[in-house]
C-alpha atoms as a PDB file:
ATOM      1  CA  MET A   1     123.775  81.592 120.612  1.00  0.00           C
ATOM      2  CA  GLY A   2     122.874  78.649 118.348  1.00  0.00           C
ATOM      3  CA  LYS A   3     123.427  78.335 114.609  1.00  0.00           C
ATOM      4  CA  ASN A   4     119.759  78.959 113.813  1.00  0.00           C
ATOM      5  CA  ASP A   5     119.676  82.048 116.048  1.00  0.00           C
ATOM      6  CA  ILE A   6     122.719  83.516 114.328  1.00  0.00           C
ATOM      7  CA  SER A   7     121.356  82.718 110.850  1.00  0.00           C
ATOM      8  CA  LEU A   8     117.957  84.281 111.567  1.00  0.00           C
ATOM      9  CA  LYS A   9     119.569  87.326 113.152  1.00  0.00           C
ATOM     10  CA  SER A  10     121.837  87.831 110.147  1.00  0.00           C
ATOM     11  CA  TYR A  11     119.023  87.323 107.628  1.00  0.00           C
ATOM     12  CA  LEU A  12     116.578  89.683 109.334  1.00  0.00           C
ATOM     13  CA  SER A  13     119.193  92.380 109.958  1.00  0.00           C
ATOM     14  CA  ASP A  14     118.602  93.412 106.363  1.00  0.00           C
ATOM     15  CA  LYS A  15     116.537  96.612 106.682  1.00  0.00           C
ATOM     16  CA  ARG A  16     114.112  95.628 103.937  1.00  0.00           C
ATOM     17  CA  ARG A  17     113.314  92.302 105.574  1.00  0.00           C
ATOM     18  CA  PHE A  18     113.259  93.839 109.045  1.00  0.00           C
ATOM     19  CA  ALA A  19     110.662  96.403 107.931  1.00  0.00           C
ATOM     20  CA  ASP A  20     108.727  93.744 105.997  1.00  0.00           C
ATOM     21  CA  LEU A  21     108.436  91.491 109.059  1.00  0.00           C
ATOM     22  CA  PHE A  22     106.956  94.308 111.150  1.00  0.00           C
ATOM     23  CA  ASN A  23     104.678  95.547 108.361  1.00  0.00           C
ATOM     24  CA  GLY A  24     103.500  92.060 107.443  1.00  0.00           C
ATOM     25  CA  THR A  25     102.600  91.083 110.994  1.00  0.00           C
ATOM     26  CA  LEU A  26     102.010  93.962 113.422  1.00  0.00           C
ATOM     27  CA  MET A  27     100.797  96.347 110.698  1.00  0.00           C
ATOM     28  CA  GLY A  28      98.603  93.780 108.953  1.00  0.00           C
ATOM     29  CA  GLY A  29     100.394  94.218 105.634  1.00  0.00           C
ATOM     30  CA  SER A  30     100.258  98.028 105.565  1.00  0.00           C
ATOM     31  CA  GLN A  31     103.586  99.554 104.527  1.00  0.00           C
ATOM     32  CA  VAL A  32     103.973 101.739 107.602  1.00  0.00           C
ATOM     33  CA  ILE A  33     107.689 101.233 108.293  1.00  0.00           C
ATOM     34  CA  LYS A  34     110.012 102.338 105.486  1.00  0.00           C
ATOM     35  CA  ALA A  35     113.326 100.500 105.224  1.00  0.00           C
ATOM     36  CA  GLU A  36     115.198 103.623 104.127  1.00  0.00           C
ATOM     37  CA  ARG A  37     114.302 105.326 107.420  1.00  0.00           C
ATOM     38  CA  LEU A  38     115.836 102.603 109.562  1.00  0.00           C
ATOM     39  CA  GLU A  39     119.269 102.877 111.111  1.00  0.00           C
ATOM     40  CA  THR A  40     121.048 100.152 113.059  1.00  0.00           C
ATOM     41  CA  SER A  41     120.987 100.801 116.803  1.00  0.00           C
ATOM     42  CA  PRO A  42     123.134  99.316 119.624  1.00  0.00           C
ATOM     43  CA  THR A  43     121.821  95.961 120.816  1.00  0.00           C
ATOM     44  CA  VAL A  44     123.465  95.983 124.254  1.00  0.00           C
ATOM     45  CA  MET A  45     121.451  97.655 127.012  1.00  0.00           C
ATOM     46  CA  SER A  46     123.047  97.978 130.437  1.00  0.00           C
ATOM     47  CA  MET A  47     122.580  99.720 133.758  1.00  0.00           C
ATOM     48  CA  SER A  48     125.084 100.192 136.570  1.00  0.00           C
ATOM     49  CA  ASP A  49     124.593 101.828 139.952  1.00  0.00           C
ATOM     50  CA  GLU A  50     125.396 101.291 143.616  1.00  0.00           C
ATOM     51  CA  ASN A  51     123.174  98.197 143.625  1.00  0.00           C
ATOM     52  CA  GLY A  52     125.077  96.375 140.904  1.00  0.00           C
ATOM     53  CA  PHE A  53     125.210  95.881 137.156  1.00  0.00           C
ATOM     54  CA  MET A  54     122.582  94.656 134.674  1.00  0.00           C
ATOM     55  CA  GLU A  55     122.897  93.962 130.961  1.00  0.00           C
ATOM     56  CA  ARG A  56     120.570  92.764 128.208  1.00  0.00           C
ATOM     57  CA  ILE A  57     121.561  91.932 124.633  1.00  0.00           C
ATOM     58  CA  ASN A  58     118.835  92.336 122.023  1.00  0.00           C
ATOM     59  CA  ASP A  59     118.742  90.380 118.772  1.00  0.00           C
ATOM     60  CA  ILE A  60     118.252  93.295 116.366  1.00  0.00           C
ATOM     61  CA  SER A  61     117.564  96.958 117.144  1.00  0.00           C
ATOM     62  CA  MET A  62     116.805  99.749 114.702  1.00  0.00           C
ATOM     63  CA  CYS A  63     116.148 103.455 115.145  1.00  0.00           C
ATOM     64  CA  TYR A  64     113.308 104.763 112.995  1.00  0.00           C
ATOM     65  CA  THR A  65     113.604 108.336 111.753  1.00  0.00           C
ATOM     66  CA  PHE A  66     111.404 110.767 109.864  1.00  0.00           C
ATOM     67  CA  ASP A  67     112.523 114.114 108.461  1.00  0.00           C
ATOM     68  CA  GLY A  68     115.704 113.906 110.513  1.00  0.00           C
ATOM     69  CA  SER A  69     113.902 113.391 113.834  1.00  0.00           C
ATOM     70  CA  SER A  70     113.980 110.054 115.646  1.00  0.00           C
ATOM     71  CA  LEU A  71     110.537 108.587 116.183  1.00  0.00           C
ATOM     72  CA  ALA A  72     111.137 105.266 117.882  1.00  0.00           C
ATOM     73  CA  LEU A  73     113.470 102.418 118.704  1.00  0.00           C
ATOM     74  CA  ILE A  74     112.310  99.142 117.163  1.00  0.00           C
ATOM     75  CA  THR A  75     113.634  95.821 118.408  1.00  0.00           C
ATOM     76  CA  LEU A  76     113.153  92.291 117.075  1.00  0.00           C
ATOM     77  CA  GLU A  77     113.544  89.228 119.276  1.00  0.00           C
ATOM     78  CA  ASN A  78     113.649  85.864 117.476  1.00  0.00           C
ATOM     79  CA  GLN A  79     112.368  82.953 119.526  1.00  0.00           C
ATOM     80  CA  GLU A  80     112.590  79.297 118.479  1.00  0.00           C
ATOM     81  CA  TYR A  81     111.213  77.837 121.707  1.00  0.00           C
ATOM     82  CA  ILE A  82     108.461  78.854 124.109  1.00  0.00           C
ATOM     83  CA  ASP A  83     109.880  80.996 126.909  1.00  0.00           C
ATOM     84  CA  TYR A  84     107.345  81.149 129.719  1.00  0.00           C
ATOM     85  CA  ALA A  85     109.092  84.206 131.171  1.00  0.00           C
ATOM     86  CA  MET A  86     108.979  86.192 127.909  1.00  0.00           C
ATOM     87  CA  PRO A  87     106.876  89.145 129.186  1.00  0.00           C
ATOM     88  CA  LEU A  88     109.354  89.734 132.003  1.00  0.00           C
ATOM     89  CA  ARG A  89     112.286  89.556 129.583  1.00  0.00           C
ATOM     90  CA  VAL A  90     110.686  92.104 127.247  1.00  0.00           C
ATOM     91  CA  MET A  91     109.715  94.403 130.122  1.00  0.00           C
ATOM     92  CA  LEU A  92     113.289  94.392 131.419  1.00  0.00           C
ATOM     93  CA  GLN A  93     114.614  94.999 127.916  1.00  0.00           C
ATOM     94  CA  GLN A  94     112.394  98.037 127.432  1.00  0.00           C
ATOM     95  CA  ALA A  95     113.104  99.356 130.921  1.00  0.00           C
ATOM     96  CA  LEU A  96     116.869  99.244 130.258  1.00  0.00           C
ATOM     97  CA  SER A  97     116.386 101.040 126.950  1.00  0.00           C
ATOM     98  CA  TYR A  98     114.352 103.798 128.617  1.00  0.00           C
ATOM     99  CA  ASP A  99     116.908 104.043 131.421  1.00  0.00           C
ATOM    100  CA  SER A 100     119.715 104.395 128.878  1.00  0.00           C
ATOM    101  CA  GLN A 101     117.897 107.246 127.153  1.00  0.00           C
ATOM    102  CA  LEU A 102     117.206 108.925 130.475  1.00  0.00           C
ATOM    103  CA  ARG A 103     120.852 108.760 131.499  1.00  0.00           C
ATOM    104  CA  GLU A 104     121.811 110.429 128.233  1.00  0.00           C
ATOM    105  CA  ILE A 105     119.327 113.227 128.943  1.00  0.00           C
ATOM    106  CA  LYS A 106     120.718 113.738 132.440  1.00  0.00           C
ATOM    107  CA  THR A 107     124.272 113.904 131.106  1.00  0.00           C
ATOM    108  CA  HIS A 108     123.205 116.437 128.491  1.00  0.00           C
ATOM    109  CA  ASN A 109     121.400 118.541 131.106  1.00  0.00           C
ATOM    110  CA  LYS A 110     124.419 118.952 133.359  1.00  0.00           C
ATOM    111  CA  ASN A 111     125.399 122.136 131.561  1.00  0.00           C
ATOM    112  CA  ARG A 112     121.907 123.359 130.777  1.00  0.00           C
ATOM    113  CA  LYS A 113     119.914 125.936 132.664  1.00  0.00           C
ATOM    114  CA  MET A 114     117.284 124.482 134.996  1.00  0.00           C
ATOM    115  CA  TYR A 115     114.208 126.535 135.675  1.00  0.00           C
ATOM    116  CA  ASP A 116     113.249 125.214 139.098  1.00  0.00           C
ATOM    117  CA  SER A 117     114.517 123.013 141.912  1.00  0.00           C
ATOM    118  CA  ASN A 118     112.626 119.958 140.655  1.00  0.00           C
ATOM    119  CA  GLU A 119     114.447 120.054 137.319  1.00  0.00           C
ATOM    120  CA  PHE A 120     117.745 120.727 139.068  1.00  0.00           C
ATOM    121  CA  LEU A 121     117.402 117.797 141.483  1.00  0.00           C
ATOM    122  CA  SER A 122     116.099 115.274 138.939  1.00  0.00           C
ATOM    123  CA  LYS A 123     118.424 116.502 136.157  1.00  0.00           C
ATOM    124  CA  VAL A 124     115.417 116.125 133.854  1.00  0.00           C
ATOM    125  CA  LYS A 125     113.587 119.079 132.355  1.00  0.00           C
ATOM    126  CA  ARG A 126     109.804 119.135 132.290  1.00  0.00           C
ATOM    127  CA  THR A 127     109.910 119.237 128.477  1.00  0.00           C
ATOM    128  CA  ASP A 128     112.391 116.363 128.045  1.00  0.00           C
ATOM    129  CA  ARG A 129     111.046 113.279 126.265  1.00  0.00           C
ATOM    130  CA  ILE A 130     112.395 109.787 125.571  1.00  0.00           C
ATOM    131  CA  LEU A 131     111.740 107.720 122.466  1.00  0.00           C
ATOM    132  CA  PRO A 132     109.110 104.965 122.546  1.00  0.00           C
ATOM    133  CA  VAL A 133     110.511 101.438 122.310  1.00  0.00           C
ATOM    134  CA  VAL A 134     108.621  98.825 120.292  1.00  0.00           C
ATOM    135  CA  VAL A 135     109.578  95.173 120.740  1.00  0.00           C
ATOM    136  CA  LEU A 136     108.341  92.402 118.464  1.00  0.00           C
ATOM    137  CA  VAL A 137     108.829  88.793 119.535  1.00  0.00           C
ATOM    138  CA  ALA A 138     108.880  86.589 116.434  1.00  0.00           C
ATOM    139  CA  TYR A 139     108.223  82.973 117.418  1.00  0.00           C
ATOM    140  CA  TRP A 140     109.586  80.527 114.830  1.00  0.00           C
ATOM    141  CA  GLY A 141     108.460  77.307 116.515  1.00  0.00           C
ATOM    142  CA  GLU A 142     106.215  74.640 115.004  1.00  0.00           C
ATOM    143  CA  ASP A 143     103.792  74.475 117.939  1.00  0.00           C
ATOM    144  CA  GLU A 144     101.357  77.187 118.938  1.00  0.00           C
ATOM    145  CA  TRP A 145     102.685  79.609 121.549  1.00  0.00           C
ATOM    146  CA  ASN A 146     101.083  78.560 124.847  1.00  0.00           C
ATOM    147  CA  GLY A 147     103.253  80.748 127.056  1.00  0.00           C
ATOM    148  CA  ALA A 148     102.493  84.013 128.807  1.00  0.00           C
ATOM    149  CA  LYS A 149     101.641  87.018 126.646  1.00  0.00           C
ATOM    150  CA  SER A 150     101.435  89.541 129.469  1.00  0.00           C
ATOM    151  CA  ILE A 151     102.721  90.061 132.983  1.00  0.00           C
ATOM    152  CA  HIS A 152      99.241  89.201 134.303  1.00  0.00           C
ATOM    153  CA  ASP A 153      99.648  85.738 132.770  1.00  0.00           C
ATOM    154  CA  MET A 154     102.681  85.241 135.014  1.00  0.00           C
ATOM    155  CA  LEU A 155     101.231  86.635 138.238  1.00  0.00           C
ATOM    156  CA  LYS A 156      99.532  84.607 140.925  1.00  0.00           C
ATOM    157  CA  PHE A 157      96.151  86.127 141.693  1.00  0.00           C
ATOM    158  CA  ASP A 158      94.033  84.384 144.320  1.00  0.00           C
ATOM    159  CA  THR A 159      90.847  85.336 146.131  1.00  0.00           C
ATOM    160  CA  GLN A 160      92.772  87.709 148.373  1.00  0.00           C
ATOM    161  CA  THR A 161      94.939  89.423 145.771  1.00  0.00           C
ATOM    162  CA  GLU A 162      92.422  89.507 142.914  1.00  0.00           C
ATOM    163  CA  LYS A 163      91.143  92.867 144.174  1.00  0.00           C
ATOM    164  CA  PHE A 164      94.553  94.382 143.301  1.00  0.00           C
ATOM    165  CA  ARG A 165      94.580  93.150 139.690  1.00  0.00           C
ATOM    166  CA  ARG A 166      93.292  96.417 138.237  1.00  0.00           C
ATOM    167  CA  PHE A 167      96.112  98.342 139.899  1.00  0.00           C
ATOM    168  CA  VAL A 168      98.822  96.164 138.331  1.00  0.00           C
ATOM    169  CA  PRO A 169      99.721  97.140 134.725  1.00  0.00           C
ATOM    170  CA  GLU A 170      98.998  94.205 132.432  1.00  0.00           C
ATOM    171  CA  TYR A 171     101.974  94.854 130.147  1.00  0.00           C
ATOM    172  CA  LYS A 172     101.068  92.870 127.053  1.00  0.00           C
ATOM    173  CA  ILE A 173     103.862  91.940 124.657  1.00  0.00           C
ATOM    174  CA  ASN A 174     103.805  91.975 120.861  1.00  0.00           C
ATOM    175  CA  ILE A 175     104.292  88.330 119.923  1.00  0.00           C
ATOM    176  CA  ILE A 176     103.503  86.659 116.622  1.00  0.00           C
ATOM    177  CA  ASN A 177     103.618  83.048 115.475  1.00  0.00           C
ATOM    178  CA  VAL A 178     105.547  83.344 112.214  1.00  0.00           C
ATOM    179  CA  LYS A 179     103.941  80.101 111.069  1.00  0.00           C
ATOM    180  CA  ASP A 180     100.584  81.922 110.966  1.00  0.00           C
ATOM    181  CA  TYR A 181     102.092  84.188 108.281  1.00  0.00           C
ATOM    182  CA  MET A 182     103.838  81.432 106.322  1.00  0.00           C
ATOM    183  CA  ASP A 183     103.941  82.345 102.620  1.00  0.00           C
ATOM    184  CA  SER A 184     101.697  85.328 103.388  1.00  0.00           C
ATOM    185  CA  ASP A 185     100.819  88.009 100.833  1.00  0.00           C
ATOM    186  CA  ASN A 186     101.407  90.476 103.690  1.00  0.00           C
ATOM    187  CA  PHE A 187     105.132  90.107 103.035  1.00  0.00           C
ATOM    188  CA  LYS A 188     106.398  92.159 100.109  1.00  0.00           C
ATOM    189  CA  THR A 189     110.037  91.009 100.040  1.00  0.00           C
ATOM    190  CA  GLU A 190     111.699  87.597  99.744  1.00  0.00           C
ATOM    191  CA  LEU A 191     110.592  87.085 103.364  1.00  0.00           C
ATOM    192  CA  ARG A 192     107.406  85.575 101.971  1.00  0.00           C
ATOM    193  CA  THR A 193     109.321  82.763 100.253  1.00  0.00           C
ATOM    194  CA  PHE A 194     111.676  82.427 103.212  1.00  0.00           C
ATOM    195  CA  SER A 195     108.798  81.898 105.657  1.00  0.00           C
ATOM    196  CA  GLY A 196     107.334  79.195 103.409  1.00  0.00           C
ATOM    197  CA  LEU A 197     110.645  77.395 102.991  1.00  0.00           C
ATOM    198  CA  TYR A 198     111.488  77.712 106.687  1.00  0.00           C
ATOM    199  CA  PHE A 199     108.603  75.558 107.868  1.00  0.00           C
ATOM    200  CA  CYS A 200     109.249  72.739 105.407  1.00  0.00           C
ATOM    201  CA  ARG A 201     113.058  72.875 105.464  1.00  0.00           C
ATOM    202  CA  ASN A 202     113.445  69.499 107.214  1.00  0.00           C
ATOM    203  CA  ASN A 203     110.920  67.511 105.183  1.00  0.00           C
ATOM    204  CA  LYS A 204     111.849  66.416 101.682  1.00  0.00           C
ATOM    205  CA  LYS A 205     108.310  65.976 100.371  1.00  0.00           C
ATOM    206  CA  LYS A 206     107.035  69.264 101.752  1.00  0.00           C
ATOM    207  CA  MET A 207     110.107  71.128 100.519  1.00  0.00           C
ATOM    208  CA  SER A 208     109.901  69.602  97.047  1.00  0.00           C
ATOM    209  CA  LYS A 209     106.186  70.381  96.807  1.00  0.00           C
ATOM    210  CA  TYR A 210     106.740  73.979  97.897  1.00  0.00           C
ATOM    211  CA  ILE A 211     109.553  74.549  95.402  1.00  0.00           C
ATOM    212  CA  GLU A 212     107.536  73.047  92.550  1.00  0.00           C
ATOM    213  CA  SER A 213     104.485  75.223  93.301  1.00  0.00           C
ATOM    214  CA  HIS A 214     106.389  78.508  93.693  1.00  0.00           C
ATOM    215  CA  LYS A 215     108.017  79.717  90.473  1.00  0.00           C
ATOM    216  CA  GLU A 216     110.065  82.328  92.376  1.00  0.00           C
ATOM    217  CA  CYS A 217     112.179  79.450  93.730  1.00  0.00           C
ATOM    218  CA  SER A 218     113.739  79.143  90.265  1.00  0.00           C
ATOM    219  CA  ASN A 219     115.508  82.471  90.829  1.00  0.00           C
ATOM    220  CA  ILE A 220     115.836  82.986  94.567  1.00  0.00           C
ATOM    221  CA  ASP A 221     118.291  85.391  96.186  1.00  0.00           C
ATOM    222  CA  SER A 222     121.439  83.820  97.603  1.00  0.00           C
ATOM    223  CA  ASP A 223     120.796  85.096 101.175  1.00  0.00           C
ATOM    224  CA  THR A 224     117.519  83.194 101.382  1.00  0.00           C
ATOM    225  CA  PHE A 225     119.034  80.116  99.735  1.00  0.00           C
ATOM    226  CA  TRP A 226     122.029  79.865 102.075  1.00  0.00           C
ATOM    227  CA  THR A 227     120.098  80.739 105.224  1.00  0.00           C
ATOM    228  CA  ILE A 228     117.610  77.921 104.581  1.00  0.00           C
ATOM    229  CA  ALA A 229     120.430  75.524 103.681  1.00  0.00           C
ATOM    230  CA  ASN A 230     122.365  76.376 106.848  1.00  0.00           C
ATOM    231  CA  ILE A 231     119.445  76.049 109.270  1.00  0.00           C
ATOM    232  CA  SER A 232     118.101  72.822 107.826  1.00  0.00           C
ATOM    233  CA  LYS A 233     118.305  69.900 110.193  1.00  0.00           C
ATOM    234  CA  GLY A 234     121.910  68.838 110.179  1.00  0.00           C
ATOM    235  CA  GLY A 235     122.839  71.897 108.119  1.00  0.00           C
ATOM    236  CA  TYR A 236     123.350  69.757 105.019  1.00  0.00           C
ATOM    237  CA  ILE A 237     125.116  71.989 102.485  1.00  0.00           C
ATOM    238  CA  LYS A 238     127.610  69.524 101.017  1.00  0.00           C
ATOM    239  CA  GLY A 239     127.537  69.646  97.242  1.00  0.00           C
ATOM    240  CA  LEU A 240     126.226  73.218  97.113  1.00  0.00           C
ATOM    241  CA  GLU A 241     129.651  74.883  96.945  1.00  0.00           C
ATOM    242  CA  LYS A 242     129.270  75.666  93.248  1.00  0.00           C
ATOM    243  CA  TYR A 243     126.454  78.100  94.085  1.00  0.00           C
ATOM    244  CA  LYS A 244     128.475  80.244  96.501  1.00  0.00           C
ATOM    245  CA  GLU A 245     129.411  82.950  94.004  1.00  0.00           C
ATOM    246  CA  LYS A 246     125.924  83.303  92.536  1.00  0.00           C
ATOM    247  CA  GLU A 247     123.700  86.289  93.424  1.00  0.00           C
ATOM    248  CA  ALA A 248     120.590  84.298  92.547  1.00  0.00           C
ATOM    249  CA  VAL A 249     120.087  80.541  92.646  1.00  0.00           C
ATOM    250  CA  ASN A 250     117.743  78.101  90.931  1.00  0.00           C
ATOM    251  CA  MET A 251     116.574  76.401  94.117  1.00  0.00           C
ATOM    252  CA  CYS A 252     114.605  73.803  92.168  1.00  0.00           C
ATOM    253  CA  LYS A 253     117.787  72.529  90.579  1.00  0.00           C
ATOM    254  CA  ALA A 254     120.150  73.006  93.511  1.00  0.00           C
ATOM    255  CA  PHE A 255     117.962  71.480  96.188  1.00  0.00           C
ATOM    256  CA  GLU A 256     116.731  68.555  94.125  1.00  0.00           C
ATOM    257  CA  GLU A 257     120.239  67.652  92.960  1.00  0.00           C
ATOM    258  CA  ASN A 258     122.040  68.174  96.250  1.00  0.00           C
ATOM    259  CA  TRP A 259     120.334  69.447  99.377  1.00  0.00           C
ATOM    260  CA  LEU A 260     117.137  67.427  99.294  1.00  0.00           C
ATOM    261  CA  ASP A 261     118.933  64.243  98.345  1.00  0.00           C
ATOM    262  CA  GLY A 262     121.451  64.788 101.107  1.00  0.00           C
ATOM    263  CA  LEU A 263     118.727  65.514 103.629  1.00  0.00           C
ATOM    264  CA  GLU A 264     116.976  62.267 102.798  1.00  0.00           C
ATOM    265  CA  LYS A 265     120.178  60.245 102.954  1.00  0.00           C
ATOM    266  CA  GLY A 266     121.409  61.896 106.135  1.00  0.00           C
ATOM    267  CA  ILE A 267     118.725  63.090 108.524  1.00  0.00           C
ATOM    268  CA  GLU A 268     115.725  61.090 107.298  1.00  0.00           C
ATOM    269  CA  LYS A 269     117.774  57.909 107.147  1.00  0.00           C
ATOM    270  CA  GLY A 270     118.738  58.274 110.807  1.00  0.00           C
ATOM    271  CA  THR A 271     115.117  58.904 111.789  1.00  0.00           C
ATOM    272  CA  PHE A 272     113.938  55.962 109.682  1.00  0.00           C
ATOM    273  CA  ILE A 273     116.411  53.561 111.313  1.00  0.00           C
ATOM    274  CA  THR A 274     115.243  54.639 114.773  1.00  0.00           C
ATOM    275  CA  LEU A 275     111.579  54.191 113.852  1.00  0.00           C
ATOM    276  CA  CYS A 276     112.269  50.735 112.404  1.00  0.00           C
ATOM    277  CA  ALA A 277     113.901  49.666 115.654  1.00  0.00           C
ATOM    278  CA  LEU A 278     110.916  50.932 117.661  1.00  0.00           C
ATOM    279  CA  VAL A 279     108.440  49.127 115.392  1.00  0.00           C
ATOM    280  CA  LYS A 280     110.362  45.845 115.503  1.00  0.00           C
ATOM    281  CA  GLY A 281     110.732  46.150 119.258  1.00  0.00           C
ATOM    282  CA  GLY A 282     106.982  46.539 119.668  1.00  0.00           C
ATOM    283  CA  MET A 283     107.300  50.022 121.160  1.00  0.00           C
ATOM    284  CA  LEU A 284     105.702  51.859 118.222  1.00  0.00           C
ATOM    285  CA  LYS A 285     102.830  50.997 115.903  1.00  0.00           C
ATOM    286  CA  LEU A 286     103.552  50.714 112.198  1.00  0.00           C
ATOM    287  CA  ASN A 287     100.944  53.323 111.252  1.00  0.00           C
ATOM    288  CA  ASP A 288     102.413  55.856 113.722  1.00  0.00           C
ATOM    289  CA  ALA A 289     105.916  55.314 112.328  1.00  0.00           C
ATOM    290  CA  ALA A 290     104.636  55.724 108.777  1.00  0.00           C
ATOM    291  CA  LYS A 291     102.877  58.999 109.675  1.00  0.00           C
ATOM    292  CA  HIS A 292     106.083  60.352 111.184  1.00  0.00           C
ATOM    293  CA  MET A 293     107.871  59.762 107.857  1.00  0.00           C
ATOM    294  CA  ASN A 294     104.901  61.043 105.808  1.00  0.00           C
ATOM    295  CA  MET A 295     104.579  57.588 104.216  1.00  0.00           C
ATOM    296  CA  THR A 296     101.836  55.005 103.822  1.00  0.00           C
ATOM    297  CA  GLU A 297     102.048  51.906 106.021  1.00  0.00           C
ATOM    298  CA  GLU A 298     102.658  49.798 102.912  1.00  0.00           C
ATOM    299  CA  ASP A 299     105.544  51.985 101.713  1.00  0.00           C
ATOM    300  CA  PHE A 300     107.110  52.138 105.173  1.00  0.00           C
ATOM    301  CA  ASN A 301     106.925  48.377 105.648  1.00  0.00           C
ATOM    302  CA  GLU A 302     108.316  47.719 102.157  1.00  0.00           C
ATOM    303  CA  ARG A 303     111.236  50.089 102.719  1.00  0.00           C
ATOM    304  CA  MET A 304     111.909  48.552 106.148  1.00  0.00           C
ATOM    305  CA  GLU A 305     112.085  45.064 104.701  1.00  0.00           C
ATOM    306  CA  LYS A 306     114.333  46.113 101.807  1.00  0.00           C
ATOM    307  CA  SER A 307     116.651  48.064 104.078  1.00  0.00           C
ATOM    308  CA  ASN A 308     116.912  45.196 106.561  1.00  0.00           C
ATOM    309  CA  TYR A 309     117.168  47.618 109.511  1.00  0.00           C
END
């Protein structure tokens, strides 16, 4: 598991943010899921029988309860790249969760009275029920998701097999492009600011502009601050140690004095040197290099000459 995966998992394990992500995307902003009714649930799903062993580890799983009765299992899968097998992964994940619940029911029924031979043989009573499992795939990539969104998208239907399409469950997955909800009013927690910062975390000008136009960045919670700092390109956090003990941070001050300056000197400098070499070698046009650095051709050329790269 990569650094970004771990950081996102840790950040969104907070019940308030977890509920906010679901409410802000799947529920269209309606406050359907209440954070206080969420309980952490095991993330490892496994199955073992005479045919072998299978295991699936979810990112974050929560059990949603109401008036003491469990209503559903809710799982979040964070995705930073396009996985063209995602529907199959989600289907397997849900199947293992249902199988786990069913095995618990069968174990519980061993000492219960069965009313007919069907219940006795299956070890499942006619009135037994398992909890629904909801899986949300949150795609954090920059590009639009062009992968499969259902099992049908992965299946090969030709002129001969097309007639069977209607008999094959489509199995659509719940997938959202987080970028579509960037800085959205649908989010009611600090997730709104986090989503805005996330998609400009590696660009000094975009980050600076965002911070200047959002007054909440002058008093941002430390979780959001450190998560963004840690998942920035290169993870540049040198110079930010003095903010470690603070519950809230003035991001305007901290990032402009340390993080943004370090990002420019570290990551952007490396990119700039590479682009200069490509331009001088005739492999890249000046205007394309300038666009990549969000600069004008004049500024790029002037900086290239001064830097002598």
